[in-house]
Amino acid sequence: MSAARPSRDAGGYLSLEGVGGAVLKERPEDSELGLLRELGRDLVNYFFMSLRTLAIHAEDNAAVELPLAKLVEIIGRLNKTLHRTHFITVEGQIYLNDLRIKMEAAAYSNVVYLVSVLDKHEIGGITFSGELGQAQFKELLLLLLNSVPPRGEGADPLVHIRGRLKEANIPGVDFDRPYFFKAAEAKHVDGQEAAAGQEAAVVAYAKGVLAVKDYFRAIEAAEAANPLRIRKIIQDLVDVAEEDPEDFLKLHTIHGVEDAYYNHCTNVAVLAVSIGRHLQLSRLELADLGSAAMLHDLGYSSLSRLTEEEGRDFDESEKKKWHPVAGFKTLLGQGEYGPGLLRRMLVTLEHHMHFSRPGGFPNLGKKRLSVYTRIIQVADHYDALVCPSPDGEPGLLPIKALERPDI
């Protein structure tokens, strides 16, 4: 027996009637996409060449300067186009932000060497968000080559290399942890098919975390934040959910993501889309639901900006109370009010209101919560229960979380 679809009542809580047109998709021009792929391949090759020449020559050798100058030029061009450049490695594959960089077979050894240098420090990616001079880039590469990771129980090579990076005072660079599955391998007959499905799922998840991170940081910096990238990634997640629901749901077990804040928003989106599929929502509805879930805690970034602009310090209880209103105001300022934005605004405002009785914050009286909000509240609360707390307390086992009467 199939699950019943949520009713579409006169209040329009789930109704999409009257919303015409196809789902908006981000489709860059072929020339722009081709340019990014070319720059991505050049980035890999010159990154490799710079590391390799520094490894075999003295740092003041003239042979080092040419690939290094090209590397600095490529990062500068990418940052002008992308604002922030995320160079990511996932199971030996290279990604430039959301774009997979397919290298020629002849360059395979370059990729292997580059990934091995990063793996030594347990680095899953490097984010470039500012301009680096040639001398600073050389210092960064020497840091990767010459730093000796700590060994032994409790050692964390990434924390160590980040400390060295901070000491070197190299601006606009950050190291990310690798993304990988905590759960056991998927049970498919064809092992290669299982690996491919897992890779597609984990890459979609990693893109989601980075998209949330960039969007929220743009809000903190009072910059223009474009939700189209998040919308596109949600469509990728919906594709994964439809092709392999088991691999998709395992995304909630990923660990190794550096910032729990962005991780939580992506987890809530994954869980919300899973619930929405069980309720037989359409792809368009799932895209709206997932986008709203990704941005439900946007208000925390807005409050961070207010803290810097106004010098006002919000304690944790104030942040929890006011972030729904702050997020709503931020989305309200985006203008161009389409149905998707209005649903995101509604979820952001409602997600800490009580479902079974009026109240919560903000108190909007006796109105009923939208279906999207009710789904996201369940996903939000479940993720908070099963994930470790910021002070290090372990989360509940999933079966124990599901036994809670408030789920």
Protein backbone atom coordinates (compact mmCIF):
# COMPACT_ATOMS: atom_id res chain seq x y z
CA MET A 1 0.00 0.00 0.00
CA SER A 2 1.50 3.33 -1.04
CA ALA A 3 1.89 6.22 1.37
CA ALA A 4 -0.84 8.84 1.20
CA ARG A 5 0.04 12.22 -0.26
CA PRO A 6 -0.43 15.27 1.98
CA SER A 7 -3.70 17.02 1.30
CA ARG A 8 -3.69 20.29 -0.57
CA ASP A 9 -6.07 22.51 1.34
CA ALA A 10 -7.45 25.96 0.65
CA GLY A 11 -4.73 27.50 2.76
CA GLY A 12 -2.22 26.57 0.09
CA TYR A 13 0.18 24.90 2.52
CA LEU A 14 1.44 22.51 -0.14
CA SER A 15 -0.39 23.60 -3.24
CA LEU A 16 1.66 24.45 -6.30
CA GLU A 17 -1.30 24.97 -8.61
CA GLY A 18 -0.83 28.01 -10.77
CA VAL A 19 2.94 27.90 -10.68
CA GLY A 20 3.77 27.64 -14.36
CA GLY A 21 6.95 26.89 -16.20
CA ALA A 22 9.69 24.34 -15.83
CA VAL A 23 11.95 24.02 -12.85
CA LEU A 24 14.70 26.60 -13.10
CA LYS A 25 18.09 24.98 -13.63
CA GLU A 26 21.50 26.55 -13.71
CA ARG A 27 22.85 25.97 -17.17
CA PRO A 28 26.08 27.91 -17.81
CA GLU A 29 27.02 28.70 -21.37
CA ASP A 30 29.20 26.03 -22.94
CA SER A 31 32.03 28.53 -23.36
CA GLU A 32 32.04 29.45 -19.65
CA LEU A 33 31.80 25.81 -18.53
CA GLY A 34 34.57 24.86 -20.93
CA LEU A 35 36.75 27.65 -19.57
CA LEU A 36 36.27 26.45 -16.00
CA ARG A 37 37.16 22.90 -17.00
CA GLU A 38 40.28 24.12 -18.77
CA LEU A 39 41.29 26.22 -15.75
CA GLY A 40 40.61 23.24 -13.49
CA ARG A 41 42.90 21.00 -15.51
CA ASP A 42 45.58 23.72 -15.57
CA LEU A 43 45.21 24.12 -11.81
CA VAL A 44 45.86 20.41 -11.25
CA ASN A 45 48.85 20.30 -13.61
CA TYR A 46 50.56 23.46 -12.39
CA PHE A 47 49.82 22.58 -8.76
CA PHE A 48 51.59 19.27 -9.39
CA MET A 49 54.48 20.89 -11.29
CA SER A 50 55.02 23.51 -8.58
CA LEU A 51 55.06 20.89 -5.82
CA ARG A 52 57.31 18.56 -7.80
CA THR A 53 59.89 21.20 -8.73
CA LEU A 54 60.01 22.47 -5.14
CA ALA A 55 60.51 18.91 -3.96
CA ILE A 56 63.59 18.33 -6.16
CA HIS A 57 65.08 21.86 -6.46
CA ALA A 58 66.12 24.56 -4.02
CA GLU A 59 63.33 27.05 -3.43
CA ASP A 60 65.31 29.88 -5.08
CA ASN A 61 65.92 27.84 -8.25
CA ALA A 62 64.63 29.53 -11.40
CA ALA A 63 62.89 26.29 -12.45
CA VAL A 64 60.42 26.79 -9.62
CA GLU A 65 59.22 30.23 -10.68
CA LEU A 66 57.51 29.50 -14.01
CA PRO A 67 54.93 26.89 -12.83
CA LEU A 68 54.43 28.88 -9.64
CA ALA A 69 53.64 32.08 -11.57
CA LYS A 70 51.14 30.16 -13.71
CA LEU A 71 49.54 28.68 -10.59
CA VAL A 72 49.08 32.12 -9.02
CA GLU A 73 47.59 33.42 -12.29
CA ILE A 74 45.12 30.49 -12.50
CA ILE A 75 43.91 30.92 -8.90
CA GLY A 76 43.45 34.65 -9.52
CA ARG A 77 41.34 34.00 -12.63
CA LEU A 78 39.25 31.39 -10.82
CA ASN A 79 38.58 33.64 -7.83
CA LYS A 80 37.40 36.43 -10.12
CA THR A 81 34.94 34.02 -11.72
CA LEU A 82 33.88 31.93 -8.71
CA HIS A 83 34.50 34.35 -5.81
CA ARG A 84 35.88 31.40 -3.79
CA THR A 85 37.73 28.47 -5.28
CA HIS A 86 37.25 25.06 -3.67
CA PHE A 87 39.82 22.50 -4.83
CA ILE A 88 38.41 19.16 -3.60
CA THR A 89 39.59 15.55 -3.78
CA VAL A 90 37.11 12.69 -3.31
CA GLU A 91 38.42 9.15 -3.68
CA GLY A 92 41.11 10.22 -6.13
CA GLN A 93 38.76 12.40 -8.19
CA ILE A 94 39.28 16.17 -8.49
CA TYR A 95 36.47 18.73 -8.20
CA LEU A 96 36.54 22.46 -8.72
CA ASN A 97 33.63 23.75 -6.64
CA ASP A 98 30.69 21.82 -8.18
CA LEU A 99 32.51 20.77 -11.33
CA ARG A 100 34.32 17.46 -11.73
CA ILE A 101 37.65 17.91 -13.51
CA LYS A 102 38.30 14.98 -15.82
CA MET A 103 42.01 14.69 -16.41
CA GLU A 104 43.64 13.09 -19.44
CA ALA A 105 45.14 9.66 -18.91
CA ALA A 106 48.64 11.10 -19.37
CA ALA A 107 48.11 13.36 -16.35
CA TYR A 108 46.95 10.56 -14.03
CA SER A 109 50.32 10.39 -12.26
CA ASN A 110 50.07 14.15 -11.59
CA VAL A 111 46.77 13.60 -9.79
CA VAL A 112 48.14 10.67 -7.79
CA TYR A 113 51.14 12.69 -6.59
CA LEU A 114 49.02 15.74 -5.72
CA VAL A 115 46.45 13.70 -3.80
CA SER A 116 49.21 11.86 -1.92
CA VAL A 117 50.64 15.17 -0.64
CA LEU A 118 47.21 16.26 0.60
CA ASP A 119 46.39 12.82 2.05
CA LYS A 120 49.56 12.95 4.12
CA HIS A 121 47.98 15.79 6.10
CA GLU A 122 44.43 14.36 5.87
CA ILE A 123 43.39 17.31 3.72
CA GLY A 124 40.27 16.71 1.62
CA GLY A 125 40.34 20.08 -0.11
CA ILE A 126 41.77 23.58 -0.15
CA THR A 127 39.67 26.73 -0.26
CA PHE A 128 41.18 29.87 -1.82
CA SER A 129 39.17 32.98 -0.95
CA GLY A 130 41.75 35.74 -1.43
CA GLU A 131 44.66 36.82 -3.60
CA LEU A 132 48.02 35.21 -2.94
CA GLY A 133 51.36 36.52 -4.09
CA GLN A 134 53.94 34.21 -5.61
CA ALA A 135 56.06 34.22 -2.45
CA GLN A 136 53.03 33.35 -0.29
CA PHE A 137 52.06 30.51 -2.62
CA LYS A 138 55.58 29.14 -2.50
CA GLU A 139 55.43 29.24 1.30
CA LEU A 140 52.11 27.34 1.21
CA LEU A 141 53.56 24.62 -1.03
CA LEU A 142 56.68 24.29 1.11
CA LEU A 143 54.41 23.94 4.12
CA LEU A 144 52.62 21.01 2.47
CA LEU A 145 55.89 19.39 1.40
CA ASN A 146 58.00 19.84 4.52
CA SER A 147 55.58 19.66 7.45
CA VAL A 148 55.76 16.30 9.20
CA PRO A 149 52.31 15.12 10.37
CA PRO A 150 52.08 13.96 13.99
CA ARG A 151 51.67 10.24 14.62
CA GLY A 152 50.29 8.20 17.46
CA GLU A 153 47.01 7.91 19.30
CA GLY A 154 44.94 11.09 19.27
CA ALA A 155 47.11 12.75 16.61
CA ASP A 156 45.25 14.94 14.12
CA PRO A 157 47.39 15.81 11.06
CA LEU A 158 44.83 18.34 9.78
CA VAL A 159 44.81 20.27 13.06
CA HIS A 160 48.61 20.26 12.94
CA ILE A 161 48.87 21.59 9.37
CA ARG A 162 46.20 24.19 10.09
CA GLY A 163 48.27 25.38 13.03
CA ARG A 164 51.31 25.68 10.78
CA LEU A 165 49.20 27.58 8.24
CA LYS A 166 48.11 30.04 10.93
CA GLU A 167 51.70 30.52 12.08
CA ALA A 168 52.76 31.23 8.50
CA ASN A 169 50.04 33.93 8.26
CA ILE A 170 49.04 32.98 4.71
CA PRO A 171 45.71 34.78 4.05
CA GLY A 172 42.65 33.51 2.24
CA VAL A 173 43.51 29.80 2.48
CA ASP A 174 41.77 27.06 4.44
CA PHE A 175 42.12 23.29 4.55
CA ASP A 176 39.02 21.05 4.59
CA ARG A 177 38.63 17.58 6.02
CA PRO A 178 37.98 14.71 3.62
CA TYR A 179 34.45 13.49 3.00
CA PHE A 180 33.79 9.76 3.37
CA PHE A 181 31.15 7.23 4.37
CA LYS A 182 30.93 6.14 7.98
CA ALA A 183 28.41 3.43 7.14
CA ALA A 184 29.25 0.01 5.73
CA GLU A 185 29.47 -0.56 2.00
CA ALA A 186 26.20 -0.64 0.12
CA LYS A 187 24.84 -4.09 -0.57
CA HIS A 188 24.79 -4.35 -4.34
CA VAL A 189 25.59 -7.33 -6.48
CA ASP A 190 27.98 -5.29 -8.59
CA GLY A 191 30.67 -3.77 -6.36
CA GLN A 192 31.64 -1.18 -8.98
CA GLU A 193 28.03 -0.06 -9.27
CA ALA A 194 27.86 0.31 -5.48
CA ALA A 195 31.04 2.38 -5.40
CA ALA A 196 29.77 4.63 -8.21
CA GLY A 197 26.48 5.17 -6.41
CA GLN A 198 28.23 5.99 -3.16
CA GLU A 199 30.58 8.40 -4.90
CA ALA A 200 27.71 10.26 -6.57
CA ALA A 201 25.90 10.52 -3.24
CA VAL A 202 28.87 11.69 -1.20
CA VAL A 203 29.93 14.24 -3.81
CA ALA A 204 26.40 15.68 -3.91
CA TYR A 205 26.51 15.93 -0.12
CA ALA A 206 29.95 17.61 -0.11
CA LYS A 207 28.73 20.12 -2.69
CA GLY A 208 25.74 20.85 -0.46
CA VAL A 209 27.93 21.59 2.57
CA LEU A 210 30.17 23.91 0.53
CA ALA A 211 27.19 25.69 -1.05
CA VAL A 212 25.62 26.34 2.36
CA LYS A 213 28.98 27.51 3.69
CA ASP A 214 29.47 30.00 0.82
CA TYR A 215 25.88 31.24 0.96
CA PHE A 216 25.92 31.81 4.71
CA ARG A 217 29.35 33.46 4.64
CA ALA A 218 28.12 35.80 1.91
CA ILE A 219 25.24 36.79 4.21
CA GLU A 220 27.70 37.38 7.07
CA ALA A 221 29.78 39.62 4.80
CA ALA A 222 26.68 41.50 3.52
CA GLU A 223 27.42 40.28 -0.02
CA ALA A 224 24.94 39.17 -2.67
CA ALA A 225 23.99 35.52 -2.05
CA ASN A 226 22.67 33.56 -5.02
CA PRO A 227 20.31 30.67 -4.09
CA LEU A 228 20.48 29.12 -7.58
CA ARG A 229 23.55 27.07 -6.67
CA ILE A 230 21.75 25.58 -3.67
CA ARG A 231 18.71 24.88 -5.82
CA LYS A 232 20.87 23.05 -8.37
CA ILE A 233 22.55 20.95 -5.68
CA ILE A 234 19.17 20.03 -4.20
CA GLN A 235 18.17 18.79 -7.65
CA ASP A 236 21.32 16.62 -7.64
CA LEU A 237 20.36 15.27 -4.20
CA VAL A 238 16.84 14.51 -5.41
CA ASP A 239 18.35 12.60 -8.35
CA VAL A 240 20.47 10.53 -5.96
CA ALA A 241 17.45 9.92 -3.71
CA GLU A 242 15.43 8.58 -6.64
CA GLU A 243 18.23 6.45 -8.11
CA ASP A 244 19.34 4.86 -4.84
CA PRO A 245 17.34 5.73 -1.69
CA GLU A 246 19.62 3.60 0.52
CA ASP A 247 22.82 5.40 -0.51
CA PHE A 248 21.00 8.70 -0.18
CA LEU A 249 19.86 8.08 3.38
CA LYS A 250 23.40 7.02 4.33
CA LEU A 251 24.50 10.59 3.69
CA HIS A 252 23.22 11.40 7.15
CA THR A 253 25.98 9.16 8.56
CA ILE A 254 28.83 11.07 6.87
CA HIS A 255 31.36 12.45 9.29
CA GLY A 256 34.62 14.29 8.87
CA VAL A 257 32.85 17.52 7.83
CA GLU A 258 34.61 20.40 9.51
CA ASP A 259 31.80 22.72 10.62
CA ALA A 260 28.80 21.14 12.31
CA TYR A 261 26.66 24.21 11.48
CA TYR A 262 26.82 23.69 7.69
CA ASN A 263 26.77 19.92 8.15
CA HIS A 264 23.52 20.20 10.15
CA CYS A 265 21.79 22.24 7.43
CA THR A 266 22.74 19.68 4.78
CA ASN A 267 21.71 16.77 7.01
CA VAL A 268 18.29 18.36 7.56
CA ALA A 269 17.90 18.76 3.79
CA VAL A 270 18.77 15.08 3.23
CA LEU A 271 16.32 13.89 5.88
CA ALA A 272 13.58 16.27 4.70
CA VAL A 273 13.89 15.07 1.08
CA SER A 274 13.76 11.45 2.29
CA ILE A 275 10.57 12.17 4.25
CA GLY A 276 9.14 14.07 1.30
CA ARG A 277 9.79 11.14 -1.05
CA HIS A 278 7.99 8.80 1.35
CA LEU A 279 5.05 11.22 1.25
CA GLN A 280 5.18 11.09 -2.57
CA LEU A 281 5.95 14.75 -3.15
CA SER A 282 6.76 15.71 -6.72
CA ARG A 283 10.28 16.63 -7.84
CA LEU A 284 9.36 20.31 -7.87
CA GLU A 285 8.01 20.05 -4.32
CA LEU A 286 11.11 18.14 -3.18
CA ALA A 287 13.36 20.83 -4.67
CA ASP A 288 11.45 23.54 -2.76
CA LEU A 289 11.47 21.45 0.41
CA GLY A 290 15.21 20.71 0.22
CA SER A 291 16.11 24.35 -0.50
CA ALA A 292 14.03 25.52 2.46
CA ALA A 293 15.71 22.91 4.68
CA MET A 294 19.20 24.01 3.59
CA LEU A 295 18.43 27.61 4.56
CA HIS A 296 16.28 27.09 7.67
CA ASP A 297 19.07 28.27 10.03
CA LEU A 298 20.19 31.17 7.82
CA GLY A 299 19.34 33.60 10.62
CA TYR A 300 22.43 32.62 12.61
CA SER A 301 24.59 34.16 9.87
CA SER A 302 22.44 37.28 9.85
CA LEU A 303 22.93 37.64 13.61
CA SER A 304 26.69 37.22 13.18
CA ARG A 305 26.68 40.16 10.77
CA LEU A 306 24.63 42.28 13.18
CA THR A 307 27.11 41.45 15.94
CA GLU A 308 29.93 42.94 13.86
CA GLU A 309 27.97 45.90 12.45
CA GLU A 310 26.25 47.00 15.66
CA GLY A 311 28.66 45.62 18.24
CA ARG A 312 25.78 43.81 19.90
CA ASP A 313 26.60 40.49 21.51
CA PHE A 314 23.93 37.80 21.30
CA ASP A 315 24.17 34.97 23.80
CA GLU A 316 23.16 31.44 22.79
CA SER A 317 19.59 31.77 24.11
CA GLU A 318 19.09 35.03 22.19
CA LYS A 319 20.48 33.50 19.00
CA LYS A 320 18.10 30.56 19.29
CA LYS A 321 15.18 32.90 19.90
CA TRP A 322 15.88 35.50 17.24
CA HIS A 323 17.47 33.58 14.36
CA PRO A 324 14.09 32.65 12.74
CA VAL A 325 13.17 36.36 12.52
CA ALA A 326 16.66 37.36 11.37
CA GLY A 327 16.62 34.70 8.64
CA PHE A 328 13.14 35.78 7.52
CA LYS A 329 14.26 39.42 7.23
CA THR A 330 17.34 38.39 5.24
CA LEU A 331 15.26 36.44 2.73
CA LEU A 332 12.69 39.25 2.64
CA GLY A 333 15.44 41.60 1.46
CA GLN A 334 16.20 39.45 -1.59
CA GLY A 335 13.13 40.68 -3.46
CA GLU A 336 11.84 38.95 -6.61
CA TYR A 337 9.26 37.06 -4.59
CA GLY A 338 8.46 33.78 -6.31
CA PRO A 339 6.70 30.78 -4.75
CA GLY A 340 10.01 29.09 -3.82
CA LEU A 341 11.32 32.14 -1.94
CA LEU A 342 8.00 32.58 -0.13
CA ARG A 343 8.12 28.95 1.06
CA ARG A 344 11.71 29.38 2.27
CA MET A 345 10.68 32.52 4.14
CA LEU A 346 7.75 30.70 5.75
CA VAL A 347 9.88 27.74 6.87
CA THR A 348 12.62 30.02 8.22
CA LEU A 349 10.07 31.95 10.28
CA GLU A 350 8.09 28.93 11.51
CA HIS A 351 10.67 26.21 12.20
CA HIS A 352 10.80 26.79 15.98
CA MET A 353 7.07 27.29 16.46
CA HIS A 354 4.99 24.62 18.20
CA PHE A 355 3.04 22.29 15.94
CA SER A 356 0.42 21.07 18.42
CA ARG A 357 -0.36 24.39 20.08
CA PRO A 358 -0.01 28.12 19.41
CA GLY A 359 3.20 29.69 20.59
CA GLY A 360 6.88 29.10 20.16
CA PHE A 361 8.83 31.96 18.67
CA PRO A 362 7.77 34.04 16.93
CA ASN A 363 4.19 33.67 18.22
CA LEU A 364 1.94 34.14 15.22
CA GLY A 365 -1.24 33.13 17.00
CA LYS A 366 -3.37 30.13 16.11
CA LYS A 367 -2.15 29.63 12.54
CA ARG A 368 -1.32 26.11 11.40
CA LEU A 369 2.22 25.36 10.35
CA SER A 370 2.88 24.62 6.69
CA VAL A 371 3.56 21.01 5.66
CA TYR A 372 7.11 21.97 4.66
CA THR A 373 7.76 23.39 8.13
CA ARG A 374 6.37 20.28 9.84
CA ILE A 375 8.61 17.99 7.76
CA ILE A 376 11.68 20.13 8.40
CA GLN A 377 10.93 20.33 12.13
CA VAL A 378 11.04 16.52 12.35
CA ALA A 379 14.31 16.36 10.38
CA ASP A 380 15.83 19.23 12.39
CA HIS A 381 14.95 17.69 15.75
CA TYR A 382 16.10 14.19 14.78
CA ASP A 383 19.47 15.43 13.52
CA ALA A 384 19.99 17.40 16.75
CA LEU A 385 19.31 14.23 18.78
CA VAL A 386 21.62 11.84 16.93
CA CYS A 387 24.57 14.17 16.30
CA PRO A 388 27.19 14.93 18.98
CA SER A 389 26.64 18.16 20.88
CA PRO A 390 29.11 21.07 20.57
CA ASP A 391 30.46 20.28 24.04
CA GLY A 392 31.40 16.73 22.98
CA GLU A 393 28.41 14.78 24.32
CA PRO A 394 27.62 11.83 21.99
CA GLY A 395 24.32 11.77 20.17
CA LEU A 396 21.59 9.21 20.73
CA LEU A 397 21.47 5.99 18.77
CA PRO A 398 18.94 6.35 15.92
CA ILE A 399 16.60 3.74 17.45
CA LYS A 400 16.64 5.65 20.75
CA ALA A 401 16.00 8.95 19.02
CA LEU A 402 13.02 7.49 17.16
CA GLU A 403 11.58 6.23 20.45
CA ARG A 404 11.41 9.76 21.81
CA PRO A 405 7.80 10.98 22.05
CA ASP A 406 8.77 14.41 20.72
CA ILE A 407 9.91 13.03 17.31
